[in-house]
Amino acid sequence: MSQMQRTVQPDPDVVDTEIDADQLALLHLGSKMYFSLNQTGARIWHDLKQGLSLEDISLRLQQEFDVDAEQAQKSVEQLVDELTRNGLAREV
């Protein structure tokens, strides 16, 4: 399975709240880790919550933000790697 075919979901101990139209805050209730996401990161987070594959999330980014496939894939992989490394999301 390629990296982009993976499905990653938010850790159940993470809550999110919109700070404003362009920013989302994440808080892991167990570790008290706080994380802030920009508009692109917020879109990725919401798609993770819907259970979409990383590939599907990348396709949505390409359409919504008018970016090329390589940039969208890179953005998804980098954020998901950071979220999983910090315990905010996990692979299913």
PDB file of N, CA and C in Angstrom:
ATOM      1  N   MET A   1       0.848  -1.171   0.000  1.00  0.00           N
ATOM      2  CA  MET A   1       0.000   0.000   0.000  1.00  0.00           C
ATOM      3  C   MET A   1       0.898   1.240   0.000  1.00  0.00           C
ATOM      4  N   SER A   2       0.588   2.198  -0.862  1.00  0.00           N
ATOM      5  CA  SER A   2       1.379   3.428  -0.904  1.00  0.00           C
ATOM      6  C   SER A   2       1.028   4.302   0.284  1.00  0.00           C
ATOM      7  N   GLN A   3       1.926   5.218   0.596  1.00  0.00           N
ATOM      8  CA  GLN A   3       1.704   6.134   1.710  1.00  0.00           C
ATOM      9  C   GLN A   3       0.385   6.884   1.577  1.00  0.00           C
ATOM     10  N   MET A   4       0.032   7.262   0.355  1.00  0.00           N
ATOM     11  CA  MET A   4      -1.161   8.073   0.134  1.00  0.00           C
ATOM     12  C   MET A   4      -2.454   7.262   0.209  1.00  0.00           C
ATOM     13  N   GLN A   5      -2.375   5.961   0.193  1.00  0.00           N
ATOM     14  CA  GLN A   5      -3.575   5.139   0.304  1.00  0.00           C
ATOM     15  C   GLN A   5      -3.937   4.864   1.768  1.00  0.00           C
ATOM     16  N   ARG A   6      -3.090   5.298   2.682  1.00  0.00           N
ATOM     17  CA  ARG A   6      -3.348   5.097   4.112  1.00  0.00           C
ATOM     18  C   ARG A   6      -4.550   5.927   4.555  1.00  0.00           C
ATOM     19  N   THR A   7      -5.152   5.487   5.642  1.00  0.00           N
ATOM     20  CA  THR A   7      -6.195   6.260   6.307  1.00  0.00           C
ATOM     21  C   THR A   7      -5.701   6.552   7.718  1.00  0.00           C
ATOM     22  N   VAL A   8      -5.754   7.806   8.073  1.00  0.00           N
ATOM     23  CA  VAL A   8      -5.307   8.258   9.387  1.00  0.00           C
ATOM     24  C   VAL A   8      -6.478   8.986  10.027  1.00  0.00           C
ATOM     25  N   GLN A   9      -6.683   8.735  11.307  1.00  0.00           N
ATOM     26  CA  GLN A   9      -7.797   9.385  12.009  1.00  0.00           C
ATOM     27  C   GLN A   9      -7.278  10.146  13.214  1.00  0.00           C
ATOM     28  N   PRO A  10      -8.002  11.189  13.608  1.00  0.00           N
ATOM     29  CA  PRO A  10      -7.629  11.908  14.820  1.00  0.00           C
ATOM     30  C   PRO A  10      -7.681  10.980  16.035  1.00  0.00           C
ATOM     31  N   ASP A  11      -6.779  11.186  16.965  1.00  0.00           N
ATOM     32  CA  ASP A  11      -6.819  10.453  18.222  1.00  0.00           C
ATOM     33  C   ASP A  11      -8.117  10.843  18.937  1.00  0.00           C
ATOM     34  N   PRO A  12      -8.802   9.886  19.564  1.00  0.00           N
ATOM     35  CA  PRO A  12     -10.077  10.195  20.217  1.00  0.00           C
ATOM     36  C   PRO A  12      -9.961  11.205  21.364  1.00  0.00           C
ATOM     37  N   ASP A  13      -8.761  11.407  21.894  1.00  0.00           N
ATOM     38  CA  ASP A  13      -8.567  12.356  22.987  1.00  0.00           C
ATOM     39  C   ASP A  13      -8.275  13.773  22.504  1.00  0.00           C
ATOM     40  N   VAL A  14      -8.427  14.013  21.190  1.00  0.00           N
ATOM     41  CA  VAL A  14      -8.161  15.340  20.639  1.00  0.00           C
ATOM     42  C   VAL A  14      -9.483  16.060  20.375  1.00  0.00           C
ATOM     43  N   VAL A  15      -9.572  17.285  20.856  1.00  0.00           N
ATOM     44  CA  VAL A  15     -10.720  18.134  20.557  1.00  0.00           C
ATOM     45  C   VAL A  15     -10.226  19.286  19.682  1.00  0.00           C
ATOM     46  N   ASP A  16     -11.120  19.781  18.850  1.00  0.00           N
ATOM     47  CA  ASP A  16     -10.755  20.897  17.981  1.00  0.00           C
ATOM     48  C   ASP A  16     -11.785  22.004  18.093  1.00  0.00           C
ATOM     49  N   THR A  17     -11.329  23.201  17.838  1.00  0.00           N
ATOM     50  CA  THR A  17     -12.215  24.359  17.836  1.00  0.00           C
ATOM     51  C   THR A  17     -11.681  25.396  16.863  1.00  0.00           C
ATOM     52  N   GLU A  18     -12.605  26.040  16.165  1.00  0.00           N
ATOM     53  CA  GLU A  18     -12.208  27.092  15.236  1.00  0.00           C
ATOM     54  C   GLU A  18     -11.853  28.345  16.015  1.00  0.00           C
ATOM     55  N   ILE A  19     -10.707  28.904  15.691  1.00  0.00           N
ATOM     56  CA  ILE A  19     -10.288  30.160  16.309  1.00  0.00           C
ATOM     57  C   ILE A  19     -10.872  31.315  15.502  1.00  0.00           C
ATOM     58  N   ASP A  20     -10.780  31.208  14.203  1.00  0.00           N
ATOM     59  CA  ASP A  20     -11.412  32.132  13.271  1.00  0.00           C
ATOM     60  C   ASP A  20     -11.576  31.392  11.951  1.00  0.00           C
ATOM     61  N   ALA A  21     -11.953  32.089  10.914  1.00  0.00           N
ATOM     62  CA  ALA A  21     -12.239  31.432   9.630  1.00  0.00           C
ATOM     63  C   ALA A  21     -11.016  30.742   9.037  1.00  0.00           C
ATOM     64  N   ASP A  22      -9.821  31.172   9.425  1.00  0.00           N
ATOM     65  CA  ASP A  22      -8.602  30.633   8.819  1.00  0.00           C
ATOM     66  C   ASP A  22      -7.739  29.818   9.763  1.00  0.00           C
ATOM     67  N   GLN A  23      -8.232  29.514  10.961  1.00  0.00           N
ATOM     68  CA  GLN A  23      -7.380  28.817  11.914  1.00  0.00           C
ATOM     69  C   GLN A  23      -8.194  27.875  12.797  1.00  0.00           C
ATOM     70  N   LEU A  24      -7.598  26.709  13.081  1.00  0.00           N
ATOM     71  CA  LEU A  24      -8.225  25.689  13.907  1.00  0.00           C
ATOM     72  C   LEU A  24      -7.253  25.308  15.010  1.00  0.00           C
ATOM     73  N   ALA A  25      -7.733  25.190  16.229  1.00  0.00           N
ATOM     74  CA  ALA A  25      -6.900  24.777  17.357  1.00  0.00           C
ATOM     75  C   ALA A  25      -7.228  23.340  17.723  1.00  0.00           C
ATOM     76  N   LEU A  26      -6.186  22.551  17.986  1.00  0.00           N
ATOM     77  CA  LEU A  26      -6.332  21.167  18.435  1.00  0.00           C
ATOM     78  C   LEU A  26      -5.753  21.066  19.832  1.00  0.00           C
ATOM     79  N   LEU A  27      -6.407  20.311  20.692  1.00  0.00           N
ATOM     80  CA  LEU A  27      -5.902  20.069  22.040  1.00  0.00           C
ATOM     81  C   LEU A  27      -6.037  18.594  22.349  1.00  0.00           C
ATOM     82  N   HIS A  28      -4.901  17.971  22.698  1.00  0.00           N
ATOM     83  CA  HIS A  28      -4.924  16.578  23.132  1.00  0.00           C
ATOM     84  C   HIS A  28      -5.178  16.593  24.632  1.00  0.00           C
ATOM     85  N   LEU A  29      -6.317  16.069  25.057  1.00  0.00           N
ATOM     86  CA  LEU A  29      -6.730  16.140  26.449  1.00  0.00           C
ATOM     87  C   LEU A  29      -5.801  15.362  27.382  1.00  0.00           C
ATOM     88  N   GLY A  30      -5.194  14.304  26.886  1.00  0.00           N
ATOM     89  CA  GLY A  30      -4.300  13.501  27.725  1.00  0.00           C
ATOM     90  C   GLY A  30      -2.956  14.160  27.952  1.00  0.00           C
ATOM     91  N   SER A  31      -2.333  14.625  26.876  1.00  0.00           N
ATOM     92  CA  SER A  31      -0.989  15.195  26.978  1.00  0.00           C
ATOM     93  C   SER A  31      -0.992  16.709  27.148  1.00  0.00           C
ATOM     94  N   LYS A  32      -2.157  17.330  26.945  1.00  0.00           N
ATOM     95  CA  LYS A  32      -2.309  18.797  27.000  1.00  0.00           C
ATOM     96  C   LYS A  32      -1.541  19.489  25.876  1.00  0.00           C
ATOM     97  N   MET A  33      -1.205  18.727  24.817  1.00  0.00           N
ATOM     98  CA  MET A  33      -0.513  19.308  23.673  1.00  0.00           C
ATOM     99  C   MET A  33      -1.505  20.145  22.871  1.00  0.00           C
ATOM    100  N   TYR A  34      -1.083  21.345  22.543  1.00  0.00           N
ATOM    101  CA  TYR A  34      -1.892  22.291  21.784  1.00  0.00           C
ATOM    102  C   TYR A  34      -1.254  22.458  20.417  1.00  0.00           C
ATOM    103  N   PHE A  35      -2.083  22.522  19.398  1.00  0.00           N
ATOM    104  CA  PHE A  35      -1.590  22.593  18.024  1.00  0.00           C
ATOM    105  C   PHE A  35      -2.505  23.537  17.261  1.00  0.00           C
ATOM    106  N   SER A  36      -1.950  24.387  16.448  1.00  0.00           N
ATOM    107  CA  SER A  36      -2.733  25.339  15.658  1.00  0.00           C
ATOM    108  C   SER A  36      -2.565  25.025  14.178  1.00  0.00           C
ATOM    109  N   LEU A  37      -3.674  25.015  13.445  1.00  0.00           N
ATOM    110  CA  LEU A  37      -3.641  24.718  12.013  1.00  0.00           C
ATOM    111  C   LEU A  37      -4.144  25.904  11.211  1.00  0.00           C
ATOM    112  N   ASN A  38      -3.492  26.151  10.078  1.00  0.00           N
ATOM    113  CA  ASN A  38      -3.975  27.185   9.163  1.00  0.00           C
ATOM    114  C   ASN A  38      -5.141  26.625   8.350  1.00  0.00           C
ATOM    115  N   GLN A  39      -5.589  27.375   7.370  1.00  0.00           N
ATOM    116  CA  GLN A  39      -6.755  26.973   6.579  1.00  0.00           C
ATOM    117  C   GLN A  39      -6.539  25.636   5.869  1.00  0.00           C
ATOM    118  N   THR A  40      -5.379  25.448   5.283  1.00  0.00           N
ATOM    119  CA  THR A  40      -5.083  24.179   4.607  1.00  0.00           C
ATOM    120  C   THR A  40      -5.035  23.037   5.611  1.00  0.00           C
ATOM    121  N   GLY A  41      -4.360  23.250   6.727  1.00  0.00           N
ATOM    122  CA  GLY A  41      -4.288  22.230   7.768  1.00  0.00           C
ATOM    123  C   GLY A  41      -5.657  21.882   8.321  1.00  0.00           C
ATOM    124  N   ALA A  42      -6.502  22.895   8.478  1.00  0.00           N
ATOM    125  CA  ALA A  42      -7.860  22.656   8.966  1.00  0.00           C
ATOM    126  C   ALA A  42      -8.648  21.794   7.985  1.00  0.00           C
ATOM    127  N   ARG A  43      -8.486  22.039   6.699  1.00  0.00           N
ATOM    128  CA  ARG A  43      -9.169  21.224   5.680  1.00  0.00           C
ATOM    129  C   ARG A  43      -8.696  19.774   5.784  1.00  0.00           C
ATOM    130  N   ILE A  44      -7.393  19.579   5.919  1.00  0.00           N
ATOM    131  CA  ILE A  44      -6.845  18.222   6.050  1.00  0.00           C
ATOM    132  C   ILE A  44      -7.410  17.557   7.300  1.00  0.00           C
ATOM    133  N   TRP A  45      -7.432  18.275   8.420  1.00  0.00           N
ATOM    134  CA  TRP A  45      -7.950  17.727   9.682  1.00  0.00           C
ATOM    135  C   TRP A  45      -9.409  17.303   9.539  1.00  0.00           C
ATOM    136  N   HIS A  46     -10.238  18.158   8.958  1.00  0.00           N
ATOM    137  CA  HIS A  46     -11.655  17.824   8.791  1.00  0.00           C
ATOM    138  C   HIS A  46     -11.825  16.590   7.899  1.00  0.00           C
ATOM    139  N   ASP A  47     -10.992  16.466   6.881  1.00  0.00           N
ATOM    140  CA  ASP A  47     -11.065  15.298   6.003  1.00  0.00           C
ATOM    141  C   ASP A  47     -10.598  14.036   6.721  1.00  0.00           C
ATOM    142  N   LEU A  48      -9.603  14.163   7.596  1.00  0.00           N
ATOM    143  CA  LEU A  48      -9.188  13.013   8.412  1.00  0.00           C
ATOM    144  C   LEU A  48     -10.339  12.559   9.293  1.00  0.00           C
ATOM    145  N   LYS A  49     -11.059  13.518   9.869  1.00  0.00           N
ATOM    146  CA  LYS A  49     -12.196  13.187  10.729  1.00  0.00           C
ATOM    147  C   LYS A  49     -13.294  12.461   9.957  1.00  0.00           C
ATOM    148  N   GLN A  50     -13.384  12.726   8.653  1.00  0.00           N
ATOM    149  CA  GLN A  50     -14.385  12.052   7.819  1.00  0.00           C
ATOM    150  C   GLN A  50     -13.934  10.665   7.378  1.00  0.00           C
ATOM    151  N   GLY A  51     -12.683  10.296   7.680  1.00  0.00           N
ATOM    152  CA  GLY A  51     -12.181   8.968   7.330  1.00  0.00           C
ATOM    153  C   GLY A  51     -11.676   8.836   5.907  1.00  0.00           C
ATOM    154  N   LEU A  52     -11.369   9.957   5.262  1.00  0.00           N
ATOM    155  CA  LEU A  52     -10.866   9.903   3.886  1.00  0.00           C
ATOM    156  C   LEU A  52      -9.423   9.430   3.856  1.00  0.00           C
ATOM    157  N   SER A  53      -9.052   8.770   2.769  1.00  0.00           N
ATOM    158  CA  SER A  53      -7.654   8.367   2.596  1.00  0.00           C
ATOM    159  C   SER A  53      -6.820   9.616   2.326  1.00  0.00           C
ATOM    160  N   LEU A  54      -5.525   9.506   2.533  1.00  0.00           N
ATOM    161  CA  LEU A  54      -4.635  10.638   2.273  1.00  0.00           C
ATOM    162  C   LEU A  54      -4.682  11.032   0.799  1.00  0.00           C
ATOM    163  N   GLU A  55      -4.854  10.054  -0.058  1.00  0.00           N
ATOM    164  CA  GLU A  55      -4.968  10.329  -1.489  1.00  0.00           C
ATOM    165  C   GLU A  55      -6.217  11.167  -1.791  1.00  0.00           C
ATOM    166  N   ASP A  56      -7.340  10.809  -1.191  1.00  0.00           N
ATOM    167  CA  ASP A  56      -8.573  11.571  -1.401  1.00  0.00           C
ATOM    168  C   ASP A  56      -8.447  12.991  -0.844  1.00  0.00           C
ATOM    169  N   ILE A  57      -7.770  13.122   0.292  1.00  0.00           N
ATOM    170  CA  ILE A  57      -7.559  14.446   0.871  1.00  0.00           C
ATOM    171  C   ILE A  57      -6.708  15.288  -0.067  1.00  0.00           C
ATOM    172  N   SER A  58      -5.679  14.690  -0.634  1.00  0.00           N
ATOM    173  CA  SER A  58      -4.819  15.397  -1.580  1.00  0.00           C
ATOM    174  C   SER A  58      -5.616  15.879  -2.792  1.00  0.00           C
ATOM    175  N   LEU A  59      -6.487  15.038  -3.304  1.00  0.00           N
ATOM    176  CA  LEU A  59      -7.322  15.432  -4.445  1.00  0.00           C
ATOM    177  C   LEU A  59      -8.238  16.601  -4.088  1.00  0.00           C
ATOM    178  N   ARG A  60      -8.790  16.578  -2.889  1.00  0.00           N
ATOM    179  CA  ARG A  60      -9.640  17.696  -2.457  1.00  0.00           C
ATOM    180  C   ARG A  60      -8.854  19.000  -2.357  1.00  0.00           C
ATOM    181  N   LEU A  61      -7.626  18.904  -1.838  1.00  0.00           N
ATOM    182  CA  LEU A  61      -6.788  20.105  -1.747  1.00  0.00           C
ATOM    183  C   LEU A  61      -6.501  20.676  -3.128  1.00  0.00           C
ATOM    184  N   GLN A  62      -6.234  19.790  -4.090  1.00  0.00           N
ATOM    185  CA  GLN A  62      -5.960  20.242  -5.456  1.00  0.00           C
ATOM    186  C   GLN A  62      -7.141  21.028  -6.007  1.00  0.00           C
ATOM    187  N   GLN A  63      -8.340  20.545  -5.738  1.00  0.00           N
ATOM    188  CA  GLN A  63      -9.536  21.209  -6.251  1.00  0.00           C
ATOM    189  C   GLN A  63      -9.853  22.493  -5.491  1.00  0.00           C
ATOM    190  N   GLU A  64      -9.794  22.433  -4.169  1.00  0.00           N
ATOM    191  CA  GLU A  64     -10.210  23.566  -3.354  1.00  0.00           C
ATOM    192  C   GLU A  64      -9.206  24.724  -3.371  1.00  0.00           C
ATOM    193  N   PHE A  65      -7.913  24.405  -3.376  1.00  0.00           N
ATOM    194  CA  PHE A  65      -6.890  25.437  -3.280  1.00  0.00           C
ATOM    195  C   PHE A  65      -6.128  25.653  -4.585  1.00  0.00           C
ATOM    196  N   ASP A  66      -6.515  24.952  -5.637  1.00  0.00           N
ATOM    197  CA  ASP A  66      -5.889  25.097  -6.949  1.00  0.00           C
ATOM    198  C   ASP A  66      -4.371  24.942  -6.879  1.00  0.00           C
ATOM    199  N   VAL A  67      -3.927  23.830  -6.288  1.00  0.00           N
ATOM    200  CA  VAL A  67      -2.503  23.499  -6.225  1.00  0.00           C
ATOM    201  C   VAL A  67      -2.257  22.243  -7.043  1.00  0.00           C
ATOM    202  N   ASP A  68      -1.009  22.035  -7.450  1.00  0.00           N
ATOM    203  CA  ASP A  68      -0.703  20.849  -8.244  1.00  0.00           C
ATOM    204  C   ASP A  68      -0.634  19.613  -7.344  1.00  0.00           C
ATOM    205  N   ALA A  69      -0.659  18.457  -7.965  1.00  0.00           N
ATOM    206  CA  ALA A  69      -0.719  17.191  -7.236  1.00  0.00           C
ATOM    207  C   ALA A  69       0.475  17.007  -6.307  1.00  0.00           C
ATOM    208  N   GLU A  70       1.657  17.369  -6.769  1.00  0.00           N
ATOM    209  CA  GLU A  70       2.859  17.192  -5.958  1.00  0.00           C
ATOM    210  C   GLU A  70       2.807  18.035  -4.688  1.00  0.00           C
ATOM    211  N   GLN A  71       2.405  19.291  -4.817  1.00  0.00           N
ATOM    212  CA  GLN A  71       2.326  20.172  -3.651  1.00  0.00           C
ATOM    213  C   GLN A  71       1.246  19.711  -2.679  1.00  0.00           C
ATOM    214  N   ALA A  72       0.100  19.295  -3.197  1.00  0.00           N
ATOM    215  CA  ALA A  72      -0.988  18.821  -2.333  1.00  0.00           C
ATOM    216  C   ALA A  72      -0.553  17.577  -1.562  1.00  0.00           C
ATOM    217  N   GLN A  73       0.074  16.641  -2.256  1.00  0.00           N
ATOM    218  CA  GLN A  73       0.528  15.408  -1.618  1.00  0.00           C
ATOM    219  C   GLN A  73       1.563  15.721  -0.539  1.00  0.00           C
ATOM    220  N   LYS A  74       2.486  16.605  -0.842  1.00  0.00           N
ATOM    221  CA  LYS A  74       3.521  16.983   0.123  1.00  0.00           C
ATOM    222  C   LYS A  74       2.900  17.618   1.368  1.00  0.00           C
ATOM    223  N   SER A  75       1.927  18.500   1.173  1.00  0.00           N
ATOM    224  CA  SER A  75       1.263  19.154   2.305  1.00  0.00           C
ATOM    225  C   SER A  75       0.555  18.137   3.194  1.00  0.00           C
ATOM    226  N   VAL A  76      -0.149  17.208   2.581  1.00  0.00           N
ATOM    227  CA  VAL A  76      -0.874  16.182   3.341  1.00  0.00           C
ATOM    228  C   VAL A  76       0.107  15.303   4.112  1.00  0.00           C
ATOM    229  N   GLU A  77       1.125  14.807   3.432  1.00  0.00           N
ATOM    230  CA  GLU A  77       2.083  13.907   4.083  1.00  0.00           C
ATOM    231  C   GLU A  77       2.803  14.591   5.241  1.00  0.00           C
ATOM    232  N   GLN A  78       3.231  15.830   5.041  1.00  0.00           N
ATOM    233  CA  GLN A  78       3.963  16.531   6.098  1.00  0.00           C
ATOM    234  C   GLN A  78       3.093  16.757   7.327  1.00  0.00           C
ATOM    235  N   LEU A  79       1.869  17.230   7.120  1.00  0.00           N
ATOM    236  CA  LEU A  79       1.006  17.491   8.267  1.00  0.00           C
ATOM    237  C   LEU A  79       0.630  16.193   8.975  1.00  0.00           C
ATOM    238  N   VAL A  80       0.262  15.174   8.226  1.00  0.00           N
ATOM    239  CA  VAL A  80      -0.136  13.908   8.839  1.00  0.00           C
ATOM    240  C   VAL A  80       1.038  13.294   9.605  1.00  0.00           C
ATOM    241  N   ASP A  81       2.244  13.378   9.052  1.00  0.00           N
ATOM    242  CA  ASP A  81       3.416  12.869   9.769  1.00  0.00           C
ATOM    243  C   ASP A  81       3.614  13.617  11.088  1.00  0.00           C
ATOM    244  N   GLU A  82       3.449  14.928  11.069  1.00  0.00           N
ATOM    245  CA  GLU A  82       3.607  15.722  12.278  1.00  0.00           C
ATOM    246  C   GLU A  82       2.511  15.403  13.299  1.00  0.00           C
ATOM    247  N   LEU A  83       1.280  15.269  12.823  1.00  0.00           N
ATOM    248  CA  LEU A  83       0.168  14.943  13.731  1.00  0.00           C
ATOM    249  C   LEU A  83       0.367  13.578  14.386  1.00  0.00           C
ATOM    250  N   THR A  84       0.773  12.585  13.607  1.00  0.00           N
ATOM    251  CA  THR A  84       0.964  11.249  14.176  1.00  0.00           C
ATOM    252  C   THR A  84       2.175  11.210  15.099  1.00  0.00           C
ATOM    253  N   ARG A  85       3.232  11.910  14.738  1.00  0.00           N
ATOM    254  CA  ARG A  85       4.434  11.960  15.573  1.00  0.00           C
ATOM    255  C   ARG A  85       4.120  12.586  16.942  1.00  0.00           C
ATOM    256  N   ASN A  86       3.184  13.518  16.968  1.00  0.00           N
ATOM    257  CA  ASN A  86       2.831  14.202  18.218  1.00  0.00           C
ATOM    258  C   ASN A  86       1.618  13.591  18.925  1.00  0.00           C
ATOM    259  N   GLY A  87       1.137  12.459  18.428  1.00  0.00           N
ATOM    260  CA  GLY A  87       0.061  11.747  19.100  1.00  0.00           C
ATOM    261  C   GLY A  87      -1.326  12.332  18.887  1.00  0.00           C
ATOM    262  N   LEU A  88      -1.464  13.229  17.919  1.00  0.00           N
ATOM    263  CA  LEU A  88      -2.764  13.833  17.655  1.00  0.00           C
ATOM    264  C   LEU A  88      -3.598  13.027  16.654  1.00  0.00           C
ATOM    265  N   ALA A  89      -2.956  12.144  15.923  1.00  0.00           N
ATOM    266  CA  ALA A  89      -3.650  11.291  14.951  1.00  0.00           C
ATOM    267  C   ALA A  89      -2.928   9.944  14.912  1.00  0.00           C
ATOM    268  N   ARG A  90      -3.637   8.962  14.347  1.00  0.00           N
ATOM    269  CA  ARG A  90      -3.034   7.623  14.254  1.00  0.00           C
ATOM    270  C   ARG A  90      -3.553   6.904  13.016  1.00  0.00           C
ATOM    271  N   GLU A  91      -2.719   6.037  12.486  1.00  0.00           N
ATOM    272  CA  GLU A  91      -3.087   5.277  11.303  1.00  0.00           C
ATOM    273  C   GLU A  91      -4.072   4.182  11.690  1.00  0.00           C
ATOM    274  N   VAL A  92      -5.070   3.953  10.814  1.00  0.00           N
ATOM    275  CA  VAL A  92      -6.054   2.888  11.057  1.00  0.00           C
ATOM    276  C   VAL A  92      -5.893   1.789  10.035  1.00  0.00           C
TER     277      VAL A  92
END
